[in-house]
Amino acid sequence: MAPAAERTGRSQHSLLVKRYREILFDCGADFNKTLASVQRRREAMELFRGSNNNSNKKDGSDPAMEQLLRERNAIDNSMKSASSVLNQAASVRTELRSQGASLRGITGTMASIASNIPGVNTLIDKIRQKRQRDDKVVSGVVAGCILFTLWYLFG
């Protein structure tokens, strides 16, 4: 079709052929994906066809099949558990992001209040200084404990 479009000398025909090739490529890719999906489904149906027949008997005639079914149930339970943990982690992440956004908003509000009221600014500075002093005391105590532990272990 491309040689015929080139013989006409019109660029519209070449563009149309190019577009049809793209459509053919897209449809071919979709067809291959669908074919692979159908093939996987067929293989799964074939694999589990025997388990559906044996699951009704439960007389212990095939211990290997029972072991495989127990393993499959254990894997399913593990997957469900992992999924619930991931969902919980996603919700925690969302909540933490919303809390972070609200805290950033509060920080801006506190800065604007501190700039508008002069007495609050000095109060905030005193609180900050006291917190720094407390942090220094705590870090000194921790350092002392570490040094004492090292002296005790190696002394």
C-alpha atoms as a PDB file:
ATOM      1  CA  MET A   1       0.000   0.000   0.000  1.00  0.00           C
ATOM      2  CA  ALA A   2       2.933   2.329   0.664  1.00  0.00           C
ATOM      3  CA  PRO A   3       4.324   2.046  -2.901  1.00  0.00           C
ATOM      4  CA  ALA A   4       0.904   2.882  -4.312  1.00  0.00           C
ATOM      5  CA  ALA A   5       0.628   5.917  -2.028  1.00  0.00           C
ATOM      6  CA  GLU A   6       4.113   7.077  -3.082  1.00  0.00           C
ATOM      7  CA  ARG A   7       3.245   6.718  -6.752  1.00  0.00           C
ATOM      8  CA  THR A   8       0.312   9.095  -6.420  1.00  0.00           C
ATOM      9  CA  GLY A   9       2.677  11.801  -5.200  1.00  0.00           C
ATOM     10  CA  ARG A  10       0.232  13.132  -2.630  1.00  0.00           C
ATOM     11  CA  SER A  11       1.516  13.465   0.905  1.00  0.00           C
ATOM     12  CA  GLN A  12      -1.987  12.885   2.256  1.00  0.00           C
ATOM     13  CA  HIS A  13      -1.933   9.301   1.036  1.00  0.00           C
ATOM     14  CA  SER A  14       1.462   8.634   2.635  1.00  0.00           C
ATOM     15  CA  LEU A  15       0.266  10.125   5.929  1.00  0.00           C
ATOM     16  CA  LEU A  16      -2.891   8.021   5.755  1.00  0.00           C
ATOM     17  CA  VAL A  17      -0.840   4.858   5.188  1.00  0.00           C
ATOM     18  CA  LYS A  18       1.428   5.812   8.083  1.00  0.00           C
ATOM     19  CA  ARG A  19      -1.597   6.346  10.336  1.00  0.00           C
ATOM     20  CA  TYR A  20      -3.061   2.986   9.331  1.00  0.00           C
ATOM     21  CA  ARG A  21       0.268   1.309  10.172  1.00  0.00           C
ATOM     22  CA  GLU A  22       0.197   2.902  13.625  1.00  0.00           C
ATOM     23  CA  ILE A  23      -3.366   1.713  14.164  1.00  0.00           C
ATOM     24  CA  LEU A  24      -2.386  -1.777  12.985  1.00  0.00           C
ATOM     25  CA  PHE A  25       0.581  -1.805  15.369  1.00  0.00           C
ATOM     26  CA  ASP A  26      -1.597  -0.684  18.321  1.00  0.00           C
ATOM     27  CA  CYS A  27      -4.290  -3.231  17.553  1.00  0.00           C
ATOM     28  CA  GLY A  28      -1.677  -5.954  17.130  1.00  0.00           C
ATOM     29  CA  ALA A  29      -0.163  -5.118  20.521  1.00  0.00           C
ATOM     30  CA  ASP A  30      -3.609  -5.172  22.140  1.00  0.00           C
ATOM     31  CA  PHE A  31      -4.364  -8.487  20.454  1.00  0.00           C
ATOM     32  CA  ASN A  32      -1.107 -10.005  21.716  1.00  0.00           C
ATOM     33  CA  LYS A  33      -1.833  -8.810  25.274  1.00  0.00           C
ATOM     34  CA  THR A  34      -5.337 -10.248  25.133  1.00  0.00           C
ATOM     35  CA  LEU A  35      -4.059 -13.504  23.651  1.00  0.00           C
ATOM     36  CA  ALA A  36      -1.476 -13.836  26.426  1.00  0.00           C
ATOM     37  CA  SER A  37      -4.137 -13.116  29.053  1.00  0.00           C
ATOM     38  CA  VAL A  38      -6.474 -15.738  27.604  1.00  0.00           C
ATOM     39  CA  GLN A  39      -3.610 -18.244  27.447  1.00  0.00           C
ATOM     40  CA  ARG A  40      -2.715 -17.599  31.110  1.00  0.00           C
ATOM     41  CA  ARG A  41      -6.364 -17.999  32.080  1.00  0.00           C
ATOM     42  CA  ARG A  42      -6.579 -21.284  30.176  1.00  0.00           C
ATOM     43  CA  GLU A  43      -3.452 -22.589  31.870  1.00  0.00           C
ATOM     44  CA  ALA A  44      -4.813 -21.590  35.282  1.00  0.00           C
ATOM     45  CA  MET A  45      -8.132 -23.316  34.563  1.00  0.00           C
ATOM     46  CA  GLU A  46      -6.266 -26.431  33.467  1.00  0.00           C
ATOM     47  CA  LEU A  47      -4.057 -26.371  36.561  1.00  0.00           C
ATOM     48  CA  PHE A  48      -6.910 -25.961  39.009  1.00  0.00           C
ATOM     49  CA  ARG A  49      -9.346 -28.267  37.215  1.00  0.00           C
ATOM     50  CA  GLY A  50      -8.035 -31.238  39.221  1.00  0.00           C
ATOM     51  CA  SER A  51      -8.179 -29.371  42.520  1.00  0.00           C
ATOM     52  CA  ASN A  52     -11.859 -28.567  42.069  1.00  0.00           C
ATOM     53  CA  ASN A  53     -12.678 -32.251  41.546  1.00  0.00           C
ATOM     54  CA  ASN A  54     -10.565 -33.440  44.495  1.00  0.00           C
ATOM     55  CA  SER A  55     -11.646 -30.718  46.925  1.00  0.00           C
ATOM     56  CA  ASN A  56     -15.090 -32.251  47.247  1.00  0.00           C
ATOM     57  CA  LYS A  57     -13.797 -35.728  48.204  1.00  0.00           C
ATOM     58  CA  LYS A  58     -11.612 -34.913  51.250  1.00  0.00           C
ATOM     59  CA  ASP A  59     -10.919 -38.593  51.841  1.00  0.00           C
ATOM     60  CA  GLY A  60      -7.155 -38.183  51.934  1.00  0.00           C
ATOM     61  CA  SER A  61      -6.585 -40.147  48.744  1.00  0.00           C
ATOM     62  CA  ASP A  62      -3.935 -37.736  47.423  1.00  0.00           C
ATOM     63  CA  PRO A  63      -1.691 -36.337  50.164  1.00  0.00           C
ATOM     64  CA  ALA A  64       0.450 -34.394  47.665  1.00  0.00           C
ATOM     65  CA  MET A  65      -2.621 -32.520  46.423  1.00  0.00           C
ATOM     66  CA  GLU A  66      -3.703 -31.805  49.997  1.00  0.00           C
ATOM     67  CA  GLN A  67      -0.246 -30.423  50.774  1.00  0.00           C
ATOM     68  CA  LEU A  68      -0.393 -28.195  47.698  1.00  0.00           C
ATOM     69  CA  LEU A  69      -3.833 -26.944  48.702  1.00  0.00           C
ATOM     70  CA  ARG A  70      -2.575 -26.161  52.221  1.00  0.00           C
ATOM     71  CA  GLU A  71       0.366 -24.276  50.734  1.00  0.00           C
ATOM     72  CA  ARG A  72      -1.956 -22.369  48.425  1.00  0.00           C
ATOM     73  CA  ASN A  73      -4.179 -21.398  51.360  1.00  0.00           C
ATOM     74  CA  ALA A  74      -1.126 -20.293  53.346  1.00  0.00           C
ATOM     75  CA  ILE A  75       0.079 -18.177  50.429  1.00  0.00           C
ATOM     76  CA  ASP A  76      -3.390 -16.656  50.008  1.00  0.00           C
ATOM     77  CA  ASN A  77      -3.500 -15.782  53.697  1.00  0.00           C
ATOM     78  CA  SER A  78      -0.025 -14.256  53.501  1.00  0.00           C
ATOM     79  CA  MET A  79      -1.013 -12.194  50.492  1.00  0.00           C
ATOM     80  CA  LYS A  80      -4.142 -10.950  52.261  1.00  0.00           C
ATOM     81  CA  SER A  81      -2.102 -10.045  55.325  1.00  0.00           C
ATOM     82  CA  ALA A  82       0.507  -8.207  53.248  1.00  0.00           C
ATOM     83  CA  SER A  83      -2.236  -6.385  51.386  1.00  0.00           C
ATOM     84  CA  SER A  84      -3.866  -5.227  54.605  1.00  0.00           C
ATOM     85  CA  VAL A  85      -0.503  -4.027  55.963  1.00  0.00           C
ATOM     86  CA  LEU A  86       0.157  -2.114  52.742  1.00  0.00           C
ATOM     87  CA  ASN A  87      -3.299  -0.542  52.866  1.00  0.00           C
ATOM     88  CA  GLN A  88      -2.721   0.461  56.471  1.00  0.00           C
ATOM     89  CA  ALA A  89       0.670   1.955  55.563  1.00  0.00           C
ATOM     90  CA  ALA A  90      -0.896   3.910  52.710  1.00  0.00           C
ATOM     91  CA  SER A  91      -3.553   5.343  55.037  1.00  0.00           C
ATOM     92  CA  VAL A  92      -0.897   6.256  57.621  1.00  0.00           C
ATOM     93  CA  ARG A  93       1.129   7.959  54.903  1.00  0.00           C
ATOM     94  CA  THR A  94      -1.909   9.947  53.807  1.00  0.00           C
ATOM     95  CA  GLU A  95      -2.659  10.975  57.387  1.00  0.00           C
ATOM     96  CA  LEU A  96       0.953  12.007  57.989  1.00  0.00           C
ATOM     97  CA  ARG A  97       0.940  14.123  54.853  1.00  0.00           C
ATOM     98  CA  SER A  98      -2.255  15.865  55.924  1.00  0.00           C
ATOM     99  CA  GLN A  99      -0.820  16.439  59.408  1.00  0.00           C
ATOM    100  CA  GLY A 100       2.359  17.845  57.872  1.00  0.00           C
ATOM    101  CA  ALA A 101       0.328  20.229  55.744  1.00  0.00           C
ATOM    102  CA  SER A 102      -1.669  21.405  58.759  1.00  0.00           C
ATOM    103  CA  LEU A 103       1.525  21.852  60.812  1.00  0.00           C
ATOM    104  CA  ARG A 104       3.091  23.909  58.032  1.00  0.00           C
ATOM    105  CA  GLY A 105      -0.032  26.064  58.066  1.00  0.00           C
ATOM    106  CA  ILE A 106       0.193  26.455  61.840  1.00  0.00           C
ATOM    107  CA  THR A 107       3.859  27.476  61.581  1.00  0.00           C
ATOM    108  CA  GLY A 108       2.939  30.254  59.160  1.00  0.00           C
ATOM    109  CA  THR A 109       0.101  31.373  61.418  1.00  0.00           C
ATOM    110  CA  MET A 110       2.382  31.435  64.473  1.00  0.00           C
ATOM    111  CA  ALA A 111       4.978  33.477  62.583  1.00  0.00           C
ATOM    112  CA  SER A 112       2.362  36.031  61.570  1.00  0.00           C
ATOM    113  CA  ILE A 113       1.020  36.237  65.157  1.00  0.00           C
ATOM    114  CA  ALA A 114       4.541  36.617  66.554  1.00  0.00           C
ATOM    115  CA  SER A 115       5.304  39.423  64.134  1.00  0.00           C
ATOM    116  CA  ASN A 116       2.060  41.268  64.995  1.00  0.00           C
ATOM    117  CA  ILE A 117       2.340  41.033  68.795  1.00  0.00           C
ATOM    118  CA  PRO A 118       5.767  42.059  70.183  1.00  0.00           C
ATOM    119  CA  GLY A 119       5.397  40.350  73.576  1.00  0.00           C
ATOM    120  CA  VAL A 120       4.679  36.971  72.028  1.00  0.00           C
ATOM    121  CA  ASN A 121       7.911  37.128  70.017  1.00  0.00           C
ATOM    122  CA  THR A 122      10.035  37.450  73.182  1.00  0.00           C
ATOM    123  CA  LEU A 123       8.036  34.668  74.841  1.00  0.00           C
ATOM    124  CA  ILE A 124       8.701  32.380  71.849  1.00  0.00           C
ATOM    125  CA  ASP A 125      12.418  33.229  72.018  1.00  0.00           C
ATOM    126  CA  LYS A 126      12.530  32.359  75.745  1.00  0.00           C
ATOM    127  CA  ILE A 127      10.764  29.043  75.075  1.00  0.00           C
ATOM    128  CA  ARG A 128      13.222  28.290  72.278  1.00  0.00           C
ATOM    129  CA  GLN A 129      16.202  29.089  74.539  1.00  0.00           C
ATOM    130  CA  LYS A 130      14.836  26.869  77.330  1.00  0.00           C
ATOM    131  CA  ARG A 131      14.324  24.016  74.874  1.00  0.00           C
ATOM    132  CA  GLN A 132      17.901  24.403  73.599  1.00  0.00           C
ATOM    133  CA  ARG A 133      19.194  24.363  77.173  1.00  0.00           C
ATOM    134  CA  ASP A 134      17.165  21.220  77.931  1.00  0.00           C
ATOM    135  CA  ASP A 135      18.484  19.565  74.755  1.00  0.00           C
ATOM    136  CA  LYS A 136      22.053  20.333  75.815  1.00  0.00           C
ATOM    137  CA  VAL A 137      21.462  18.822  79.262  1.00  0.00           C
ATOM    138  CA  VAL A 138      19.923  15.666  77.810  1.00  0.00           C
ATOM    139  CA  SER A 139      22.747  15.266  75.268  1.00  0.00           C
ATOM    140  CA  GLY A 140      25.303  15.712  78.090  1.00  0.00           C
ATOM    141  CA  VAL A 141      23.629  13.016  80.175  1.00  0.00           C
ATOM    142  CA  VAL A 142      23.500  10.623  77.205  1.00  0.00           C
ATOM    143  CA  ALA A 143      27.173  11.293  76.392  1.00  0.00           C
ATOM    144  CA  GLY A 144      28.100  10.684  80.041  1.00  0.00           C
ATOM    145  CA  CYS A 145      26.210   7.385  80.063  1.00  0.00           C
ATOM    146  CA  ILE A 146      27.930   6.258  76.869  1.00  0.00           C
ATOM    147  CA  LEU A 147      31.351   7.205  78.237  1.00  0.00           C
ATOM    148  CA  PHE A 148      30.659   5.445  81.539  1.00  0.00           C
ATOM    149  CA  THR A 149      29.503   2.323  79.672  1.00  0.00           C
ATOM    150  CA  LEU A 150      32.640   2.329  77.491  1.00  0.00           C
ATOM    151  CA  TRP A 151      34.844   2.867  80.565  1.00  0.00           C
ATOM    152  CA  TYR A 152      33.078  -0.009  82.369  1.00  0.00           C
ATOM    153  CA  LEU A 153      33.358  -2.392  79.388  1.00  0.00           C
ATOM    154  CA  PHE A 154      36.972  -1.648  78.455  1.00  0.00           C
ATOM    155  CA  GLY A 155      38.383  -0.339  81.761  1.00  0.00           C
END
